[in-house]
Amino acid sequence: RKAHKADHQAKAAERFKHADTDGDGAISRAEAGKNAPRLAQKFDLIDGNKDGKLTQDELRAYREAKRIRKEKA
C-alpha cells in the first residue's frame, strides 16, 4: 500500500512539473489550458484561495476532499 501511494505521489509530482512550464511552483490558468486540460476544466474548484494559480497543496486538498466525498457516498 505504501509503495502504491509513493508511486501515485511521484506520478502526480511529475504531472505537476510537466504542467508548470515556467517552473514557478504553481500552475496558472494558461499553463493548465495548454498542458493539463483536465485540470483546466476544474481550475476554479481546485484554486482554493482564488489567486489564479494551482499549487501542489491545493491539488492535494482537492484530491483529499474528493476521496472523502467518495467514501461517504
N, C-alpha and C. Protein backbone atom coordinates (compact mmCIF):
# COMPACT_ATOMS: atom_id res chain seq x y z
N ARG A 1 0.83 -1.21 0.00
CA ARG A 1 0.00 0.00 0.00
C ARG A 1 0.86 1.26 0.00
N LYS A 2 1.92 1.26 0.84
CA LYS A 2 2.81 2.43 0.89
C LYS A 2 3.49 2.64 -0.45
N ALA A 3 3.91 1.55 -1.10
CA ALA A 3 4.58 1.67 -2.39
C ALA A 3 3.62 2.25 -3.42
N HIS A 4 2.36 1.83 -3.36
CA HIS A 4 1.36 2.35 -4.30
C HIS A 4 1.17 3.85 -4.08
N LYS A 5 1.08 4.27 -2.83
CA LYS A 5 0.89 5.69 -2.52
C LYS A 5 2.10 6.51 -2.97
N ALA A 6 3.29 5.99 -2.73
CA ALA A 6 4.51 6.70 -3.14
C ALA A 6 4.58 6.80 -4.66
N ASP A 7 4.20 5.74 -5.36
CA ASP A 7 4.18 5.76 -6.82
C ASP A 7 3.17 6.78 -7.33
N HIS A 8 2.01 6.81 -6.71
CA HIS A 8 0.97 7.78 -7.10
C HIS A 8 1.46 9.21 -6.87
N GLN A 9 2.10 9.45 -5.74
CA GLN A 9 2.61 10.79 -5.44
C GLN A 9 3.70 11.20 -6.42
N ALA A 10 4.56 10.25 -6.79
CA ALA A 10 5.63 10.54 -7.75
C ALA A 10 5.03 10.90 -9.11
N LYS A 11 4.02 10.16 -9.54
CA LYS A 11 3.38 10.45 -10.82
C LYS A 11 2.68 11.81 -10.78
N ALA A 12 2.02 12.12 -9.66
CA ALA A 12 1.34 13.41 -9.53
C ALA A 12 2.37 14.55 -9.58
N ALA A 13 3.50 14.37 -8.93
CA ALA A 13 4.55 15.39 -8.94
C ALA A 13 5.10 15.58 -10.35
N GLU A 14 5.25 14.50 -11.09
CA GLU A 14 5.75 14.58 -12.46
C GLU A 14 4.75 15.32 -13.36
N ARG A 15 3.45 15.01 -13.20
CA ARG A 15 2.42 15.71 -13.98
C ARG A 15 2.41 17.20 -13.64
N PHE A 16 2.57 17.52 -12.37
CA PHE A 16 2.61 18.92 -11.95
C PHE A 16 3.80 19.63 -12.61
N LYS A 17 4.96 19.00 -12.56
CA LYS A 17 6.17 19.58 -13.14
C LYS A 17 6.00 19.80 -14.64
N HIS A 18 5.36 18.86 -15.31
CA HIS A 18 5.11 18.98 -16.76
C HIS A 18 4.19 20.17 -17.05
N ALA A 19 3.17 20.36 -16.22
CA ALA A 19 2.21 21.45 -16.45
C ALA A 19 2.79 22.81 -16.07
N ASP A 20 3.66 22.84 -15.07
CA ASP A 20 4.26 24.10 -14.59
C ASP A 20 5.44 24.48 -15.47
N THR A 21 5.15 24.93 -16.68
CA THR A 21 6.20 25.15 -17.67
C THR A 21 7.16 26.29 -17.32
N ASP A 22 6.73 27.26 -16.52
CA ASP A 22 7.65 28.34 -16.15
C ASP A 22 8.41 28.04 -14.86
N GLY A 23 8.11 26.91 -14.23
CA GLY A 23 8.86 26.47 -13.06
C GLY A 23 8.69 27.31 -11.82
N ASP A 24 7.58 28.04 -11.71
CA ASP A 24 7.39 28.91 -10.54
C ASP A 24 6.73 28.20 -9.35
N GLY A 25 6.47 26.91 -9.48
CA GLY A 25 5.88 26.16 -8.38
C GLY A 25 4.37 26.22 -8.34
N ALA A 26 3.76 26.77 -9.37
CA ALA A 26 2.31 26.85 -9.44
C ALA A 26 1.89 26.72 -10.91
N ILE A 27 0.67 26.25 -11.12
CA ILE A 27 0.14 26.11 -12.47
C ILE A 27 -0.88 27.23 -12.69
N SER A 28 -0.60 28.09 -13.65
CA SER A 28 -1.52 29.17 -13.97
C SER A 28 -2.66 28.62 -14.83
N ARG A 29 -3.69 29.41 -14.98
CA ARG A 29 -4.82 29.01 -15.82
C ARG A 29 -4.34 28.73 -17.26
N ALA A 30 -3.44 29.58 -17.76
CA ALA A 30 -2.91 29.39 -19.12
C ALA A 30 -2.11 28.10 -19.23
N GLU A 31 -1.27 27.81 -18.22
CA GLU A 31 -0.50 26.58 -18.24
C GLU A 31 -1.42 25.36 -18.19
N ALA A 32 -2.45 25.43 -17.36
CA ALA A 32 -3.39 24.32 -17.27
C ALA A 32 -4.09 24.13 -18.61
N GLY A 33 -4.52 25.22 -19.23
CA GLY A 33 -5.20 25.13 -20.50
C GLY A 33 -4.35 24.50 -21.59
N LYS A 34 -3.07 24.79 -21.55
CA LYS A 34 -2.16 24.29 -22.58
C LYS A 34 -1.65 22.88 -22.28
N ASN A 35 -1.35 22.60 -21.00
CA ASN A 35 -0.64 21.37 -20.64
C ASN A 35 -1.43 20.37 -19.82
N ALA A 36 -2.57 20.77 -19.28
CA ALA A 36 -3.35 19.89 -18.40
C ALA A 36 -4.84 20.20 -18.55
N PRO A 37 -5.43 19.82 -19.68
CA PRO A 37 -6.82 20.20 -19.94
C PRO A 37 -7.82 19.71 -18.89
N ARG A 38 -7.56 18.56 -18.29
CA ARG A 38 -8.48 18.09 -17.24
C ARG A 38 -8.42 19.00 -16.01
N LEU A 39 -7.24 19.49 -15.70
CA LEU A 39 -7.10 20.45 -14.60
C LEU A 39 -7.80 21.76 -14.96
N ALA A 40 -7.64 22.17 -16.21
CA ALA A 40 -8.23 23.43 -16.65
C ALA A 40 -9.74 23.41 -16.46
N GLN A 41 -10.36 22.26 -16.71
CA GLN A 41 -11.82 22.15 -16.58
C GLN A 41 -12.27 22.35 -15.14
N LYS A 42 -11.44 21.99 -14.18
CA LYS A 42 -11.80 22.08 -12.75
C LYS A 42 -11.02 23.16 -12.03
N PHE A 43 -10.39 24.04 -12.79
CA PHE A 43 -9.47 25.03 -12.23
C PHE A 43 -10.09 25.79 -11.05
N ASP A 44 -11.29 26.34 -11.25
CA ASP A 44 -11.90 27.16 -10.20
C ASP A 44 -12.25 26.36 -8.95
N LEU A 45 -12.56 25.08 -9.12
CA LEU A 45 -12.84 24.23 -7.95
C LEU A 45 -11.57 23.95 -7.15
N ILE A 46 -10.47 23.80 -7.84
CA ILE A 46 -9.21 23.45 -7.19
C ILE A 46 -8.50 24.67 -6.59
N ASP A 47 -8.66 25.83 -7.21
CA ASP A 47 -7.97 27.06 -6.77
C ASP A 47 -8.60 27.57 -5.47
N GLY A 48 -8.20 26.96 -4.37
CA GLY A 48 -8.80 27.23 -3.06
C GLY A 48 -8.73 28.69 -2.63
N ASN A 49 -7.63 29.37 -2.88
CA ASN A 49 -7.51 30.76 -2.44
C ASN A 49 -7.83 31.76 -3.56
N LYS A 50 -8.27 31.26 -4.70
CA LYS A 50 -8.73 32.08 -5.82
C LYS A 50 -7.69 33.10 -6.29
N ASP A 51 -6.42 32.65 -6.31
CA ASP A 51 -5.36 33.56 -6.76
C ASP A 51 -4.97 33.34 -8.22
N GLY A 52 -5.70 32.45 -8.89
CA GLY A 52 -5.42 32.20 -10.31
C GLY A 52 -4.27 31.26 -10.56
N LYS A 53 -3.81 30.58 -9.51
CA LYS A 53 -2.73 29.60 -9.63
C LYS A 53 -3.06 28.37 -8.79
N LEU A 54 -2.65 27.22 -9.30
CA LEU A 54 -2.83 25.98 -8.55
C LEU A 54 -1.49 25.54 -7.99
N THR A 55 -1.48 25.31 -6.68
CA THR A 55 -0.27 24.81 -6.03
C THR A 55 -0.43 23.32 -5.77
N GLN A 56 0.66 22.67 -5.44
CA GLN A 56 0.59 21.25 -5.11
C GLN A 56 -0.30 21.05 -3.88
N ASP A 57 -0.26 21.96 -2.92
CA ASP A 57 -1.11 21.85 -1.73
C ASP A 57 -2.58 21.92 -2.11
N GLU A 58 -2.94 22.82 -3.02
CA GLU A 58 -4.34 22.93 -3.45
C GLU A 58 -4.79 21.66 -4.18
N LEU A 59 -3.91 21.11 -4.99
CA LEU A 59 -4.25 19.87 -5.69
C LEU A 59 -4.43 18.72 -4.71
N ARG A 60 -3.55 18.63 -3.70
CA ARG A 60 -3.68 17.59 -2.68
C ARG A 60 -4.99 17.76 -1.91
N ALA A 61 -5.31 18.98 -1.53
CA ALA A 61 -6.55 19.24 -0.78
C ALA A 61 -7.78 18.86 -1.62
N TYR A 62 -7.75 19.17 -2.89
CA TYR A 62 -8.86 18.83 -3.79
C TYR A 62 -9.00 17.31 -3.88
N ARG A 63 -7.88 16.60 -4.09
CA ARG A 63 -7.94 15.13 -4.18
C ARG A 63 -8.43 14.51 -2.88
N GLU A 64 -7.98 15.05 -1.74
CA GLU A 64 -8.40 14.51 -0.45
C GLU A 64 -9.89 14.73 -0.23
N ALA A 65 -10.38 15.92 -0.55
CA ALA A 65 -11.82 16.20 -0.41
C ALA A 65 -12.63 15.29 -1.32
N LYS A 66 -12.13 15.06 -2.52
CA LYS A 66 -12.80 14.17 -3.47
C LYS A 66 -12.83 12.74 -2.94
N ARG A 67 -11.72 12.30 -2.34
CA ARG A 67 -11.65 10.94 -1.77
C ARG A 67 -12.64 10.79 -0.62
N ILE A 68 -12.73 11.80 0.22
CA ILE A 68 -13.65 11.75 1.36
C ILE A 68 -15.10 11.70 0.88
N ARG A 69 -15.43 12.53 -0.11
CA ARG A 69 -16.79 12.50 -0.67
C ARG A 69 -17.12 11.13 -1.23
N LYS A 70 -16.15 10.52 -1.90
CA LYS A 70 -16.36 9.20 -2.50
C LYS A 70 -16.62 8.15 -1.42
N GLU A 71 -15.87 8.23 -0.30
CA GLU A 71 -16.04 7.27 0.78
C GLU A 71 -17.41 7.41 1.45
N LYS A 72 -17.93 8.62 1.50
CA LYS A 72 -19.22 8.85 2.15
C LYS A 72 -20.38 8.41 1.26
N ALA A 73 -20.15 8.35 -0.03
CA ALA A 73 -21.22 8.00 -0.99
C ALA A 73 -21.59 6.53 -0.90
